[in-house]
Amino acid sequence: MTGTLERLEAAGIHVLDSELTSHFLLERDGFVCLVERREDKFGNIGAPALVTEHGFGVLVWRGAQSYFVAKGFEQPASEEQVQKLRAFAADLEKAIGGG
């Protein structure tokens, strides 16, 4: 677990305090992801999302346009946001998958 936490820290990914007992909540640059808790280690990685006033906005594609969508909320996603979200997901996989 220590090695994983060090890799997350090196990637600028923060484990947020949360009342969740079944998942860890990880964040970087306004993006979050739930990761399954397996006793004292990280498990399956969920879909990363953008934090919005309406909850977590997941990335969806409609044709060539991408959007962040949450309940009662929709916002076009910029190319930069899509790249940051993908980099966040890739860095999570490297940090947790390598543990």
Protein backbone atom coordinates (compact mmCIF):
# COMPACT_ATOMS: atom_id res chain seq x y z
CA MET A 1 0.00 0.00 0.00
CA THR A 2 2.86 2.41 0.80
CA GLY A 3 4.32 2.04 -2.70
CA THR A 4 0.94 2.75 -4.27
CA LEU A 5 0.44 5.85 -2.14
CA GLU A 6 3.90 7.08 -3.12
CA ARG A 7 3.14 6.56 -6.82
CA LEU A 8 -0.18 8.41 -6.46
CA GLU A 9 1.54 11.30 -4.67
CA ALA A 10 4.25 11.46 -7.34
CA ALA A 11 1.50 11.73 -9.99
CA GLY A 12 -0.20 14.56 -8.08
CA ILE A 13 -3.20 12.39 -7.23
CA HIS A 14 -4.75 12.91 -3.80
CA VAL A 15 -6.72 10.45 -1.66
CA LEU A 16 -9.58 12.55 -0.31
CA ASP A 17 -11.20 12.10 3.08
CA SER A 18 -14.56 10.46 2.56
CA GLU A 19 -17.27 8.73 4.55
CA LEU A 20 -17.24 5.91 2.01
CA THR A 21 -16.22 2.58 3.47
CA SER A 22 -16.29 0.57 0.23
CA HIS A 23 -14.22 2.91 -1.97
CA PHE A 24 -11.33 5.37 -1.93
CA LEU A 25 -12.02 8.78 -3.50
CA LEU A 26 -9.08 10.04 -5.58
CA GLU A 27 -8.71 13.52 -7.12
CA ARG A 28 -6.48 15.57 -9.39
CA ASP A 29 -7.17 18.87 -11.18
CA GLY A 30 -10.92 18.81 -10.50
CA PHE A 31 -11.35 15.21 -11.68
CA VAL A 32 -12.28 12.40 -9.32
CA CYS A 33 -12.46 8.64 -9.39
CA LEU A 34 -13.79 5.99 -7.03
CA VAL A 35 -11.48 3.06 -6.44
CA GLU A 36 -12.66 -0.08 -4.68
CA ARG A 37 -11.29 -0.75 -1.18
CA ARG A 38 -9.99 -4.28 -0.72
CA GLU A 39 -9.08 -4.51 2.95
CA ASP A 40 -5.83 -2.53 3.11
CA LYS A 41 -5.25 -2.08 -0.63
CA PHE A 42 -6.74 -0.59 -3.78
CA GLY A 43 -9.01 -2.63 -6.04
CA ASN A 44 -10.93 -1.94 -9.23
CA ILE A 45 -10.78 1.58 -10.66
CA GLY A 46 -14.07 3.26 -11.57
CA ALA A 47 -14.73 5.76 -14.35
CA PRO A 48 -13.10 9.14 -13.79
CA ALA A 49 -15.40 12.18 -13.75
CA LEU A 50 -15.42 15.96 -13.48
CA VAL A 51 -16.55 17.47 -10.17
CA THR A 52 -19.51 19.80 -10.85
CA GLU A 53 -22.09 21.60 -8.72
CA HIS A 54 -24.47 18.81 -9.76
CA GLY A 55 -22.26 15.90 -8.74
CA PHE A 56 -19.81 13.89 -10.79
CA GLY A 57 -20.02 14.58 -14.52
CA VAL A 58 -18.99 11.58 -16.60
CA LEU A 59 -17.57 11.99 -20.09
CA VAL A 60 -19.90 10.96 -22.91
CA TRP A 61 -19.55 11.32 -26.66
CA ARG A 62 -22.27 12.34 -29.11
CA GLY A 63 -20.77 12.07 -32.54
CA ALA A 64 -17.55 14.09 -32.52
CA GLN A 65 -18.57 16.25 -29.52
CA SER A 66 -17.78 15.27 -25.94
CA TYR A 67 -19.81 16.31 -22.88
CA PHE A 68 -19.66 16.00 -19.13
CA VAL A 69 -23.04 14.75 -17.98
CA ALA A 70 -24.54 14.45 -14.49
CA LYS A 71 -28.14 14.28 -13.30
CA GLY A 72 -29.80 17.46 -14.60
CA PHE A 73 -26.50 18.77 -15.96
CA GLU A 74 -24.65 18.77 -19.27
CA GLN A 75 -21.56 20.73 -20.29
CA PRO A 76 -19.45 20.50 -23.45
CA ALA A 77 -15.99 19.11 -22.70
CA SER A 78 -13.01 20.95 -24.15
CA GLU A 79 -10.20 19.04 -25.83
CA GLU A 80 -7.92 20.05 -22.94
CA GLN A 81 -10.38 18.63 -20.38
CA VAL A 82 -10.62 15.35 -22.30
CA GLN A 83 -6.82 15.11 -22.40
CA LYS A 84 -6.53 15.85 -18.65
CA LEU A 85 -9.21 13.26 -17.84
CA ARG A 86 -7.48 10.62 -19.95
CA ALA A 87 -4.09 11.44 -18.37
CA PHE A 88 -5.66 11.18 -14.90
CA ALA A 89 -7.12 7.76 -15.77
CA ALA A 90 -3.80 6.55 -17.22
CA ASP A 91 -1.83 7.77 -14.19
CA LEU A 92 -4.29 6.06 -11.84
CA GLU A 93 -3.88 2.80 -13.73
CA LYS A 94 -0.07 3.09 -13.58
CA ALA A 95 -0.02 3.93 -9.88
CA ILE A 96 -2.57 1.37 -8.73
CA GLY A 97 -1.96 -1.30 -11.34
CA GLY A 98 1.72 -1.35 -10.40
CA GLY A 99 0.94 -2.06 -6.75
